[in-house]
Structures are given as structure tokens and as C-alpha cells.
Amino acid sequence: MGFIFNFLIGKKILEIVDKLNITFIKVKILLLTILENYIKINCNDYKIK
């Protein structure tokens, strides 16, 4: 009984970690995109001056 219970908890933790990883990757991509756009805008401003 204990083994099955532990297995289910382990499975649940893995699912949560998996979801967190996906969220983390999405956030990282979002931050990189924002940073890229920010750099492009600054470079364009610099060229204009």
C-alpha cells in the first residue's frame, strides 16, 4: 500500500515539475524576446542620432 502511495506522490511531483519547467521556458523565451526588441529599439535610436 505504501509503495503505491509513494509512487502516486512521485508521479504528481513529476507532473508539477514538468508544468513548472514549461512555464519557466515560456518566461525565458518571453524575456529574451523583450530584451531583443529593447536592444533593437535602442540601436535604432542610436543610428538616428
N, C-alpha and C. Protein backbone atom coordinates (compact mmCIF):
# COMPACT_ATOMS: atom_id res chain seq x y z
N MET A 1 0.84 -1.20 0.00
CA MET A 1 0.00 0.00 0.00
C MET A 1 0.87 1.25 0.00
N GLY A 2 1.89 1.27 0.87
CA GLY A 2 2.78 2.43 0.99
C GLY A 2 3.53 2.71 -0.31
N PHE A 3 3.94 1.63 -0.99
CA PHE A 3 4.71 1.78 -2.23
C PHE A 3 3.86 2.48 -3.29
N ILE A 4 2.63 2.03 -3.45
CA ILE A 4 1.73 2.62 -4.45
C ILE A 4 1.49 4.10 -4.13
N PHE A 5 1.29 4.39 -2.86
CA PHE A 5 1.04 5.77 -2.41
C PHE A 5 2.24 6.66 -2.76
N ASN A 6 3.44 6.19 -2.43
CA ASN A 6 4.67 6.93 -2.74
C ASN A 6 4.82 7.13 -4.24
N PHE A 7 4.49 6.11 -4.99
CA PHE A 7 4.59 6.17 -6.45
C PHE A 7 3.67 7.25 -7.00
N LEU A 8 2.45 7.31 -6.47
CA LEU A 8 1.47 8.32 -6.93
C LEU A 8 1.95 9.72 -6.59
N ILE A 9 2.50 9.90 -5.39
CA ILE A 9 3.03 11.22 -4.98
C ILE A 9 4.18 11.61 -5.90
N GLY A 10 5.07 10.66 -6.16
CA GLY A 10 6.21 10.90 -7.05
C GLY A 10 5.75 11.33 -8.43
N LYS A 11 4.72 10.64 -8.93
CA LYS A 11 4.17 10.94 -10.26
C LYS A 11 3.60 12.36 -10.27
N LYS A 12 2.90 12.71 -9.20
CA LYS A 12 2.29 14.04 -9.09
C LYS A 12 3.37 15.12 -9.06
N ILE A 13 4.44 14.89 -8.29
CA ILE A 13 5.55 15.85 -8.20
C ILE A 13 6.19 16.03 -9.57
N LEU A 14 6.39 14.91 -10.29
CA LEU A 14 6.98 14.99 -11.63
C LEU A 14 6.10 15.82 -12.56
N GLU A 15 4.78 15.63 -12.47
CA GLU A 15 3.85 16.41 -13.30
C GLU A 15 3.97 17.89 -13.00
N ILE A 16 4.03 18.24 -11.71
CA ILE A 16 4.14 19.65 -11.29
C ILE A 16 5.46 20.24 -11.79
N VAL A 17 6.55 19.49 -11.62
CA VAL A 17 7.87 19.95 -12.08
C VAL A 17 7.85 20.17 -13.59
N ASP A 18 7.20 19.26 -14.29
CA ASP A 18 7.08 19.35 -15.75
C ASP A 18 6.37 20.64 -16.14
N LYS A 19 5.26 20.93 -15.46
CA LYS A 19 4.50 22.15 -15.73
C LYS A 19 5.33 23.39 -15.42
N LEU A 20 6.07 23.35 -14.33
CA LEU A 20 6.93 24.48 -13.94
C LEU A 20 8.02 24.69 -14.98
N ASN A 21 8.60 23.59 -15.47
CA ASN A 21 9.64 23.68 -16.50
C ASN A 21 9.10 24.35 -17.75
N ILE A 22 7.89 23.94 -18.17
CA ILE A 22 7.28 24.53 -19.37
C ILE A 22 7.05 26.02 -19.14
N THR A 23 6.55 26.38 -17.97
CA THR A 23 6.30 27.78 -17.64
C THR A 23 7.60 28.56 -17.64
N PHE A 24 8.64 27.97 -17.05
CA PHE A 24 9.95 28.61 -16.96
C PHE A 24 10.51 28.88 -18.35
N ILE A 25 10.39 27.89 -19.24
CA ILE A 25 10.88 28.03 -20.62
C ILE A 25 10.11 29.15 -21.32
N LYS A 26 8.78 29.19 -21.14
CA LYS A 26 7.96 30.24 -21.75
C LYS A 26 8.40 31.61 -21.26
N VAL A 27 8.63 31.73 -19.97
CA VAL A 27 9.05 33.01 -19.36
C VAL A 27 10.41 33.41 -19.93
N LYS A 28 11.32 32.44 -20.04
CA LYS A 28 12.66 32.72 -20.57
C LYS A 28 12.57 33.23 -22.01
N ILE A 29 11.75 32.57 -22.82
CA ILE A 29 11.57 32.98 -24.22
C ILE A 29 10.99 34.38 -24.27
N LEU A 30 10.01 34.65 -23.42
CA LEU A 30 9.37 35.96 -23.37
C LEU A 30 10.39 37.03 -23.00
N LEU A 31 11.20 36.77 -21.98
CA LEU A 31 12.22 37.73 -21.55
C LEU A 31 13.25 37.98 -22.65
N LEU A 32 13.66 36.92 -23.33
CA LEU A 32 14.63 37.06 -24.42
C LEU A 32 14.05 37.91 -25.54
N THR A 33 12.78 37.69 -25.86
CA THR A 33 12.12 38.45 -26.92
C THR A 33 12.05 39.92 -26.54
N ILE A 34 11.67 40.21 -25.30
CA ILE A 34 11.58 41.59 -24.82
C ILE A 34 12.96 42.24 -24.89
N LEU A 35 13.98 41.53 -24.43
CA LEU A 35 15.35 42.05 -24.43
C LEU A 35 15.81 42.34 -25.85
N GLU A 36 15.52 41.42 -26.77
CA GLU A 36 15.90 41.59 -28.17
C GLU A 36 15.26 42.84 -28.75
N ASN A 37 13.96 43.00 -28.51
CA ASN A 37 13.23 44.16 -29.02
C ASN A 37 13.77 45.45 -28.41
N TYR A 38 14.09 45.42 -27.14
CA TYR A 38 14.63 46.59 -26.43
C TYR A 38 15.96 47.00 -27.06
N ILE A 39 16.82 46.01 -27.32
CA ILE A 39 18.13 46.28 -27.93
C ILE A 39 17.94 46.86 -29.33
N LYS A 40 17.02 46.28 -30.11
CA LYS A 40 16.76 46.77 -31.47
C LYS A 40 16.30 48.22 -31.44
N ILE A 41 15.39 48.55 -30.52
CA ILE A 41 14.86 49.91 -30.40
C ILE A 41 16.00 50.87 -30.05
N ASN A 42 16.83 50.49 -29.08
CA ASN A 42 17.97 51.33 -28.67
C ASN A 42 18.96 51.52 -29.81
N CYS A 43 19.23 50.47 -30.56
CA CYS A 43 20.16 50.55 -31.69
C CYS A 43 19.60 51.50 -32.75
N ASN A 44 18.31 51.41 -33.00
CA ASN A 44 17.68 52.28 -33.99
C ASN A 44 17.74 53.73 -33.53
N ASP A 45 17.49 53.97 -32.26
CA ASP A 45 17.57 55.33 -31.70
C ASP A 45 18.99 55.86 -31.85
N TYR A 46 19.96 54.99 -31.63
CA TYR A 46 21.37 55.38 -31.69
C TYR A 46 21.75 55.77 -33.13
N LYS A 47 21.24 55.00 -34.09
CA LYS A 47 21.53 55.26 -35.51
C LYS A 47 20.93 56.60 -35.95
N ILE A 48 19.74 56.92 -35.44
CA ILE A 48 19.04 58.15 -35.81
C ILE A 48 19.83 59.37 -35.34
N LYS A 49 20.39 59.29 -34.12
CA LYS A 49 21.09 60.45 -33.53
C LYS A 49 22.32 60.82 -34.26
